[in-house]
Amino acid sequence: MRHVLLLCSCAAVIAGIVVTAAASSQPATIGWFGYTPLSAGDRLEGLHVVSTTGLVGFAVLSLGLIALAFWACLHLGTRRVGALP
């Protein structure tokens, strides 16, 4: 059971990294409906928009890292037979 947890969490971490990297390589677009376009002086400099795909990638990566931390605590905290008290 522990090996399944380890494999699934590693797969989630790798998938999260891949999805986040793929989402970062594509520019996010914002649609403005019912508004006039911003003039040249009103641009928002340094504004970074994260797409939905990027947020999903971050979520999967975070869940994978949490599962890996749980597995590490489970693995290290298990008492072995014959271990010193």
PDB file of N, CA and C in Angstrom:
ATOM      1  N   MET A   1       0.825  -1.196   0.000  1.00  0.00           N
ATOM      2  CA  MET A   1       0.000   0.000   0.000  1.00  0.00           C
ATOM      3  C   MET A   1       0.869   1.260   0.000  1.00  0.00           C
ATOM      4  N   ARG A   2       1.988   1.184   0.721  1.00  0.00           N
ATOM      5  CA  ARG A   2       2.854   2.365   0.779  1.00  0.00           C
ATOM      6  C   ARG A   2       3.504   2.646  -0.564  1.00  0.00           C
ATOM      7  N   HIS A   3       3.809   1.576  -1.296  1.00  0.00           N
ATOM      8  CA  HIS A   3       4.445   1.772  -2.598  1.00  0.00           C
ATOM      9  C   HIS A   3       3.473   2.410  -3.589  1.00  0.00           C
ATOM     10  N   VAL A   4       2.197   2.080  -3.457  1.00  0.00           N
ATOM     11  CA  VAL A   4       1.183   2.692  -4.319  1.00  0.00           C
ATOM     12  C   VAL A   4       1.086   4.178  -4.023  1.00  0.00           C
ATOM     13  N   LEU A   5       1.108   4.540  -2.744  1.00  0.00           N
ATOM     14  CA  LEU A   5       1.074   5.943  -2.353  1.00  0.00           C
ATOM     15  C   LEU A   5       2.290   6.690  -2.889  1.00  0.00           C
ATOM     16  N   LEU A   6       3.453   6.064  -2.793  1.00  0.00           N
ATOM     17  CA  LEU A   6       4.681   6.683  -3.292  1.00  0.00           C
ATOM     18  C   LEU A   6       4.608   6.890  -4.802  1.00  0.00           C
ATOM     19  N   LEU A   7       4.176   5.866  -5.538  1.00  0.00           N
ATOM     20  CA  LEU A   7       4.102   5.976  -6.996  1.00  0.00           C
ATOM     21  C   LEU A   7       3.063   7.006  -7.436  1.00  0.00           C
ATOM     22  N   CYS A   8       1.914   6.999  -6.791  1.00  0.00           N
ATOM     23  CA  CYS A   8       0.864   7.964  -7.160  1.00  0.00           C
ATOM     24  C   CYS A   8       1.292   9.399  -6.851  1.00  0.00           C
ATOM     25  N   SER A   9       1.933   9.606  -5.711  1.00  0.00           N
ATOM     26  CA  SER A   9       2.349  10.963  -5.362  1.00  0.00           C
ATOM     27  C   SER A   9       3.483  11.439  -6.269  1.00  0.00           C
ATOM     28  N   CYS A  10       4.407  10.550  -6.632  1.00  0.00           N
ATOM     29  CA  CYS A  10       5.464  10.932  -7.580  1.00  0.00           C
ATOM     30  C   CYS A  10       4.877  11.260  -8.950  1.00  0.00           C
ATOM     31  N   ALA A  11       3.890  10.469  -9.367  1.00  0.00           N
ATOM     32  CA  ALA A  11       3.229  10.738 -10.644  1.00  0.00           C
ATOM     33  C   ALA A  11       2.490  12.074 -10.611  1.00  0.00           C
ATOM     34  N   ALA A  12       1.873  12.396  -9.469  1.00  0.00           N
ATOM     35  CA  ALA A  12       1.169  13.677  -9.342  1.00  0.00           C
ATOM     36  C   ALA A  12       2.143  14.845  -9.380  1.00  0.00           C
ATOM     37  N   VAL A  13       3.291  14.702  -8.749  1.00  0.00           N
ATOM     38  CA  VAL A  13       4.295  15.770  -8.767  1.00  0.00           C
ATOM     39  C   VAL A  13       4.808  15.990 -10.192  1.00  0.00           C
ATOM     40  N   ILE A  14       5.115  14.897 -10.886  1.00  0.00           N
ATOM     41  CA  ILE A  14       5.607  15.026 -12.262  1.00  0.00           C
ATOM     42  C   ILE A  14       4.535  15.609 -13.167  1.00  0.00           C
ATOM     43  N   ALA A  15       3.293  15.152 -13.028  1.00  0.00           N
ATOM     44  CA  ALA A  15       2.202  15.687 -13.842  1.00  0.00           C
ATOM     45  C   ALA A  15       1.972  17.166 -13.547  1.00  0.00           C
ATOM     46  N   GLY A  16       2.054  17.550 -12.274  1.00  0.00           N
ATOM     47  CA  GLY A  16       1.882  18.958 -11.921  1.00  0.00           C
ATOM     48  C   GLY A  16       2.956  19.841 -12.515  1.00  0.00           C
ATOM     49  N   ILE A  17       4.191  19.350 -12.521  1.00  0.00           N
ATOM     50  CA  ILE A  17       5.291  20.117 -13.107  1.00  0.00           C
ATOM     51  C   ILE A  17       5.093  20.258 -14.609  1.00  0.00           C
ATOM     52  N   VAL A  18       4.697  19.167 -15.271  1.00  0.00           N
ATOM     53  CA  VAL A  18       4.499  19.205 -16.724  1.00  0.00           C
ATOM     54  C   VAL A  18       3.352  20.134 -17.099  1.00  0.00           C
ATOM     55  N   VAL A  19       2.232  20.040 -16.387  1.00  0.00           N
ATOM     56  CA  VAL A  19       1.079  20.892 -16.700  1.00  0.00           C
ATOM     57  C   VAL A  19       1.397  22.354 -16.434  1.00  0.00           C
ATOM     58  N   THR A  20       2.075  22.639 -15.333  1.00  0.00           N
ATOM     59  CA  THR A  20       2.438  24.018 -15.021  1.00  0.00           C
ATOM     60  C   THR A  20       3.416  24.581 -16.051  1.00  0.00           C
ATOM     61  N   ALA A  21       4.379  23.777 -16.479  1.00  0.00           N
ATOM     62  CA  ALA A  21       5.330  24.235 -17.494  1.00  0.00           C
ATOM     63  C   ALA A  21       4.632  24.467 -18.828  1.00  0.00           C
ATOM     64  N   ALA A  22       3.705  23.588 -19.180  1.00  0.00           N
ATOM     65  CA  ALA A  22       2.969  23.773 -20.437  1.00  0.00           C
ATOM     66  C   ALA A  22       2.088  25.006 -20.381  1.00  0.00           C
ATOM     67  N   ALA A  23       1.480  25.264 -19.232  1.00  0.00           N
ATOM     68  CA  ALA A  23       0.624  26.447 -19.098  1.00  0.00           C
ATOM     69  C   ALA A  23       1.451  27.731 -19.087  1.00  0.00           C
ATOM     70  N   SER A  24       2.675  27.658 -18.577  1.00  0.00           N
ATOM     71  CA  SER A  24       3.525  28.849 -18.524  1.00  0.00           C
ATOM     72  C   SER A  24       4.036  29.252 -19.899  1.00  0.00           C
ATOM     73  N   SER A  25       4.147  28.281 -20.780  1.00  0.00           N
ATOM     74  CA  SER A  25       4.695  28.578 -22.102  1.00  0.00           C
ATOM     75  C   SER A  25       3.677  29.249 -23.019  1.00  0.00           C
ATOM     76  N   GLN A  26       2.405  29.172 -22.685  1.00  0.00           N
ATOM     77  CA  GLN A  26       1.366  29.789 -23.505  1.00  0.00           C
ATOM     78  C   GLN A  26       0.873  31.062 -22.829  1.00  0.00           C
ATOM     79  N   PRO A  27       0.776  32.146 -23.576  1.00  0.00           N
ATOM     80  CA  PRO A  27       0.307  33.387 -22.957  1.00  0.00           C
ATOM     81  C   PRO A  27      -1.183  33.313 -22.633  1.00  0.00           C
ATOM     82  N   ALA A  28      -1.542  33.842 -21.483  1.00  0.00           N
ATOM     83  CA  ALA A  28      -2.943  33.887 -21.078  1.00  0.00           C
ATOM     84  C   ALA A  28      -3.597  35.124 -21.685  1.00  0.00           C
ATOM     85  N   THR A  29      -4.797  34.972 -22.157  1.00  0.00           N
ATOM     86  CA  THR A  29      -5.517  36.093 -22.751  1.00  0.00           C
ATOM     87  C   THR A  29      -6.668  36.489 -21.841  1.00  0.00           C
ATOM     88  N   ILE A  30      -6.973  37.754 -21.876  1.00  0.00           N
ATOM     89  CA  ILE A  30      -8.075  38.284 -21.092  1.00  0.00           C
ATOM     90  C   ILE A  30      -9.051  38.911 -22.067  1.00  0.00           C
ATOM     91  N   GLY A  31     -10.292  38.556 -21.957  1.00  0.00           N
ATOM     92  CA  GLY A  31     -11.305  39.144 -22.824  1.00  0.00           C
ATOM     93  C   GLY A  31     -12.005  40.288 -22.118  1.00  0.00           C
ATOM     94  N   TRP A  32     -12.132  41.402 -22.795  1.00  0.00           N
ATOM     95  CA  TRP A  32     -12.829  42.558 -22.246  1.00  0.00           C
ATOM     96  C   TRP A  32     -14.135  42.708 -23.014  1.00  0.00           C
ATOM     97  N   PHE A  33     -15.226  42.531 -22.347  1.00  0.00           N
ATOM     98  CA  PHE A  33     -16.524  42.670 -22.985  1.00  0.00           C
ATOM     99  C   PHE A  33     -17.257  43.828 -22.328  1.00  0.00           C
ATOM    100  N   GLY A  34     -17.751  44.728 -23.148  1.00  0.00           N
ATOM    101  CA  GLY A  34     -18.513  45.856 -22.629  1.00  0.00           C
ATOM    102  C   GLY A  34     -17.653  46.990 -22.115  1.00  0.00           C
ATOM    103  N   TYR A  35     -16.362  46.924 -22.343  1.00  0.00           N
ATOM    104  CA  TYR A  35     -15.465  47.977 -21.893  1.00  0.00           C
ATOM    105  C   TYR A  35     -14.679  48.494 -23.082  1.00  0.00           C
ATOM    106  N   THR A  36     -14.308  49.733 -23.001  1.00  0.00           N
ATOM    107  CA  THR A  36     -13.436  50.266 -24.037  1.00  0.00           C
ATOM    108  C   THR A  36     -12.016  49.819 -23.751  1.00  0.00           C
ATOM    109  N   PRO A  37     -11.192  49.654 -24.759  1.00  0.00           N
ATOM    110  CA  PRO A  37      -9.802  49.238 -24.516  1.00  0.00           C
ATOM    111  C   PRO A  37      -9.056  50.293 -23.710  1.00  0.00           C
ATOM    112  N   LEU A  38      -8.102  49.841 -22.956  1.00  0.00           N
ATOM    113  CA  LEU A  38      -7.286  50.752 -22.169  1.00  0.00           C
ATOM    114  C   LEU A  38      -6.421  51.604 -23.088  1.00  0.00           C
ATOM    115  N   SER A  39      -6.256  52.844 -22.719  1.00  0.00           N
ATOM    116  CA  SER A  39      -5.381  53.700 -23.510  1.00  0.00           C
ATOM    117  C   SER A  39      -3.929  53.366 -23.183  1.00  0.00           C
ATOM    118  N   ALA A  40      -3.011  53.939 -23.933  1.00  0.00           N
ATOM    119  CA  ALA A  40      -1.593  53.630 -23.770  1.00  0.00           C
ATOM    120  C   ALA A  40      -1.089  54.010 -22.369  1.00  0.00           C
ATOM    121  N   GLY A  41      -1.640  55.046 -21.771  1.00  0.00           N
ATOM    122  CA  GLY A  41      -1.182  55.493 -20.463  1.00  0.00           C
ATOM    123  C   GLY A  41      -1.762  54.694 -19.316  1.00  0.00           C
ATOM    124  N   ASP A  42      -2.796  53.924 -19.566  1.00  0.00           N
ATOM    125  CA  ASP A  42      -3.467  53.197 -18.496  1.00  0.00           C
ATOM    126  C   ASP A  42      -3.106  51.715 -18.446  1.00  0.00           C
ATOM    127  N   ARG A  43      -2.041  51.335 -19.090  1.00  0.00           N
ATOM    128  CA  ARG A  43      -1.665  49.916 -19.095  1.00  0.00           C
ATOM    129  C   ARG A  43      -1.170  49.503 -17.719  1.00  0.00           C
ATOM    130  N   LEU A  44      -1.459  48.280 -17.394  1.00  0.00           N
ATOM    131  CA  LEU A  44      -1.024  47.733 -16.109  1.00  0.00           C
ATOM    132  C   LEU A  44       0.302  47.018 -16.330  1.00  0.00           C
ATOM    133  N   GLU A  45       1.374  47.671 -15.975  1.00  0.00           N
ATOM    134  CA  GLU A  45       2.705  47.103 -16.174  1.00  0.00           C
ATOM    135  C   GLU A  45       2.982  46.030 -15.130  1.00  0.00           C
ATOM    136  N   GLY A  46       3.556  44.937 -15.550  1.00  0.00           N
ATOM    137  CA  GLY A  46       3.941  43.871 -14.631  1.00  0.00           C
ATOM    138  C   GLY A  46       2.800  42.984 -14.183  1.00  0.00           C
ATOM    139  N   LEU A  47       1.640  43.067 -14.794  1.00  0.00           N
ATOM    140  CA  LEU A  47       0.511  42.228 -14.426  1.00  0.00           C
ATOM    141  C   LEU A  47       0.695  40.848 -15.037  1.00  0.00           C
ATOM    142  N   HIS A  48       0.666  39.837 -14.201  1.00  0.00           N
ATOM    143  CA  HIS A  48       0.806  38.459 -14.663  1.00  0.00           C
ATOM    144  C   HIS A  48      -0.500  37.732 -14.389  1.00  0.00           C
ATOM    145  N   VAL A  49      -1.035  37.127 -15.417  1.00  0.00           N
ATOM    146  CA  VAL A  49      -2.287  36.395 -15.290  1.00  0.00           C
ATOM    147  C   VAL A  49      -1.980  34.904 -15.354  1.00  0.00           C
ATOM    148  N   VAL A  50      -2.507  34.162 -14.404  1.00  0.00           N
ATOM    149  CA  VAL A  50      -2.317  32.709 -14.384  1.00  0.00           C
ATOM    150  C   VAL A  50      -3.569  32.078 -14.969  1.00  0.00           C
ATOM    151  N   SER A  51      -3.387  31.204 -15.947  1.00  0.00           N
ATOM    152  CA  SER A  51      -4.530  30.556 -16.586  1.00  0.00           C
ATOM    153  C   SER A  51      -5.100  29.468 -15.695  1.00  0.00           C
ATOM    154  N   THR A  52      -6.260  28.977 -16.069  1.00  0.00           N
ATOM    155  CA  THR A  52      -6.889  27.898 -15.316  1.00  0.00           C
ATOM    156  C   THR A  52      -6.035  26.642 -15.356  1.00  0.00           C
ATOM    157  N   THR A  53      -5.404  26.383 -16.491  1.00  0.00           N
ATOM    158  CA  THR A  53      -4.526  25.222 -16.609  1.00  0.00           C
ATOM    159  C   THR A  53      -3.337  25.345 -15.652  1.00  0.00           C
ATOM    160  N   GLY A  54      -2.808  26.540 -15.516  1.00  0.00           N
ATOM    161  CA  GLY A  54      -1.711  26.759 -14.577  1.00  0.00           C
ATOM    162  C   GLY A  54      -2.134  26.533 -13.138  1.00  0.00           C
ATOM    163  N   LEU A  55      -3.347  26.968 -12.797  1.00  0.00           N
ATOM    164  CA  LEU A  55      -3.850  26.749 -11.441  1.00  0.00           C
ATOM    165  C   LEU A  55      -4.066  25.264 -11.158  1.00  0.00           C
ATOM    166  N   VAL A  56      -4.555  24.533 -12.159  1.00  0.00           N
ATOM    167  CA  VAL A  56      -4.723  23.090 -11.990  1.00  0.00           C
ATOM    168  C   VAL A  56      -3.363  22.423 -11.800  1.00  0.00           C
ATOM    169  N   GLY A  57      -2.366  22.865 -12.572  1.00  0.00           N
ATOM    170  CA  GLY A  57      -1.021  22.320 -12.422  1.00  0.00           C
ATOM    171  C   GLY A  57      -0.452  22.567 -11.042  1.00  0.00           C
ATOM    172  N   PHE A  58      -0.645  23.780 -10.523  1.00  0.00           N
ATOM    173  CA  PHE A  58      -0.179  24.092  -9.168  1.00  0.00           C
ATOM    174  C   PHE A  58      -0.907  23.245  -8.127  1.00  0.00           C
ATOM    175  N   ALA A  59      -2.207  23.018  -8.318  1.00  0.00           N
ATOM    176  CA  ALA A  59      -2.986  22.218  -7.370  1.00  0.00           C
ATOM    177  C   ALA A  59      -2.523  20.767  -7.369  1.00  0.00           C
ATOM    178  N   VAL A  60      -2.315  20.193  -8.557  1.00  0.00           N
ATOM    179  CA  VAL A  60      -1.856  18.798  -8.639  1.00  0.00           C
ATOM    180  C   VAL A  60      -0.455  18.673  -8.051  1.00  0.00           C
ATOM    181  N   LEU A  61       0.407  19.630  -8.336  1.00  0.00           N
ATOM    182  CA  LEU A  61       1.753  19.625  -7.768  1.00  0.00           C
ATOM    183  C   LEU A  61       1.705  19.703  -6.247  1.00  0.00           C
ATOM    184  N   SER A  62       0.858  20.568  -5.713  1.00  0.00           N
ATOM    185  CA  SER A  62       0.742  20.717  -4.260  1.00  0.00           C
ATOM    186  C   SER A  62       0.220  19.441  -3.607  1.00  0.00           C
ATOM    187  N   LEU A  63      -0.803  18.832  -4.204  1.00  0.00           N
ATOM    188  CA  LEU A  63      -1.336  17.593  -3.644  1.00  0.00           C
ATOM    189  C   LEU A  63      -0.304  16.468  -3.700  1.00  0.00           C
ATOM    190  N   GLY A  64       0.467  16.423  -4.769  1.00  0.00           N
ATOM    191  CA  GLY A  64       1.527  15.420  -4.869  1.00  0.00           C
ATOM    192  C   GLY A  64       2.596  15.609  -3.810  1.00  0.00           C
ATOM    193  N   LEU A  65       2.981  16.863  -3.563  1.00  0.00           N
ATOM    194  CA  LEU A  65       3.989  17.134  -2.529  1.00  0.00           C
ATOM    195  C   LEU A  65       3.462  16.826  -1.132  1.00  0.00           C
ATOM    196  N   ILE A  66       2.187  17.100  -0.891  1.00  0.00           N
ATOM    197  CA  ILE A  66       1.586  16.770   0.403  1.00  0.00           C
ATOM    198  C   ILE A  66       1.548  15.256   0.589  1.00  0.00           C
ATOM    199  N   ALA A  67       1.206  14.527  -0.469  1.00  0.00           N
ATOM    200  CA  ALA A  67       1.179  13.060  -0.393  1.00  0.00           C
ATOM    201  C   ALA A  67       2.582  12.501  -0.175  1.00  0.00           C
ATOM    202  N   LEU A  68       3.584  13.100  -0.818  1.00  0.00           N
ATOM    203  CA  LEU A  68       4.965  12.655  -0.585  1.00  0.00           C
ATOM    204  C   LEU A  68       5.398  12.907   0.858  1.00  0.00           C
ATOM    205  N   ALA A  69       5.016  14.041   1.418  1.00  0.00           N
ATOM    206  CA  ALA A  69       5.342  14.326   2.816  1.00  0.00           C
ATOM    207  C   ALA A  69       4.642  13.338   3.745  1.00  0.00           C
ATOM    208  N   PHE A  70       3.386  12.996   3.429  1.00  0.00           N
ATOM    209  CA  PHE A  70       2.660  12.011   4.230  1.00  0.00           C
ATOM    210  C   PHE A  70       3.340  10.655   4.144  1.00  0.00           C
ATOM    211  N   TRP A  71       3.754  10.272   2.930  1.00  0.00           N
ATOM    212  CA  TRP A  71       4.442   8.993   2.757  1.00  0.00           C
ATOM    213  C   TRP A  71       5.755   8.976   3.537  1.00  0.00           C
ATOM    214  N   ALA A  72       6.512  10.076   3.493  1.00  0.00           N
ATOM    215  CA  ALA A  72       7.790  10.136   4.204  1.00  0.00           C
ATOM    216  C   ALA A  72       7.583   9.999   5.719  1.00  0.00           C
ATOM    217  N   CYS A  73       6.570  10.667   6.249  1.00  0.00           N
ATOM    218  CA  CYS A  73       6.284  10.553   7.688  1.00  0.00           C
ATOM    219  C   CYS A  73       5.822   9.147   8.032  1.00  0.00           C
ATOM    220  N   LEU A  74       5.020   8.554   7.171  1.00  0.00           N
ATOM    221  CA  LEU A  74       4.555   7.196   7.394  1.00  0.00           C
ATOM    222  C   LEU A  74       5.716   6.211   7.337  1.00  0.00           C
ATOM    223  N   HIS A  75       6.605   6.415   6.388  1.00  0.00           N
ATOM    224  CA  HIS A  75       7.747   5.530   6.220  1.00  0.00           C
ATOM    225  C   HIS A  75       8.744   5.672   7.377  1.00  0.00           C
ATOM    226  N   LEU A  76       9.029   6.884   7.785  1.00  0.00           N
ATOM    227  CA  LEU A  76       9.991   7.102   8.859  1.00  0.00           C
ATOM    228  C   LEU A  76       9.420   6.791  10.242  1.00  0.00           C
ATOM    229  N   GLY A  77       8.129   6.928  10.395  1.00  0.00           N
ATOM    230  CA  GLY A  77       7.514   6.732  11.697  1.00  0.00           C
ATOM    231  C   GLY A  77       7.134   5.302  11.996  1.00  0.00           C
ATOM    232  N   THR A  78       7.254   4.408  11.056  1.00  0.00           N
ATOM    233  CA  THR A  78       6.902   3.015  11.280  1.00  0.00           C
ATOM    234  C   THR A  78       7.982   2.337  12.107  1.00  0.00           C
ATOM    235  N   ARG A  79       7.553   1.702  13.180  1.00  0.00           N
ATOM    236  CA  ARG A  79       8.519   0.965  14.013  1.00  0.00           C
ATOM    237  C   ARG A  79       8.852  -0.347  13.352  1.00  0.00           C
ATOM    238  N   ARG A  80      10.088  -0.683  13.388  1.00  0.00           N
ATOM    239  CA  ARG A  80      10.536  -1.954  12.833  1.00  0.00           C
ATOM    240  C   ARG A  80      10.676  -2.971  13.972  1.00  0.00           C
ATOM    241  N   VAL A  81      10.461  -4.215  13.650  1.00  0.00           N
ATOM    242  CA  VAL A  81      10.602  -5.271  14.649  1.00  0.00           C
ATOM    243  C   VAL A  81      12.066  -5.385  15.037  1.00  0.00           C
ATOM    244  N   GLY A  82      12.338  -5.404  16.318  1.00  0.00           N
ATOM    245  CA  GLY A  82      13.709  -5.521  16.799  1.00  0.00           C
ATOM    246  C   GLY A  82      14.414  -4.180  16.956  1.00  0.00           C
ATOM    247  N   ALA A  83      13.711  -3.079  16.711  1.00  0.00           N
ATOM    248  CA  ALA A  83      14.330  -1.756  16.857  1.00  0.00           C
ATOM    249  C   ALA A  83      14.421  -1.404  18.344  1.00  0.00           C
ATOM    250  N   LEU A  84      15.364  -0.578  18.671  1.00  0.00           N
ATOM    251  CA  LEU A  84      15.521  -0.139  20.052  1.00  0.00           C
ATOM    252  C   LEU A  84      14.351   0.747  20.443  1.00  0.00           C
ATOM    253  N   PRO A  85      13.918   0.654  21.699  1.00  0.00           N
ATOM    254  CA  PRO A  85      12.778   1.501  22.155  1.00  0.00           C
ATOM    255  C   PRO A  85      13.162   2.962  22.270  1.00  0.00           C
TER     256      PRO A  85
END
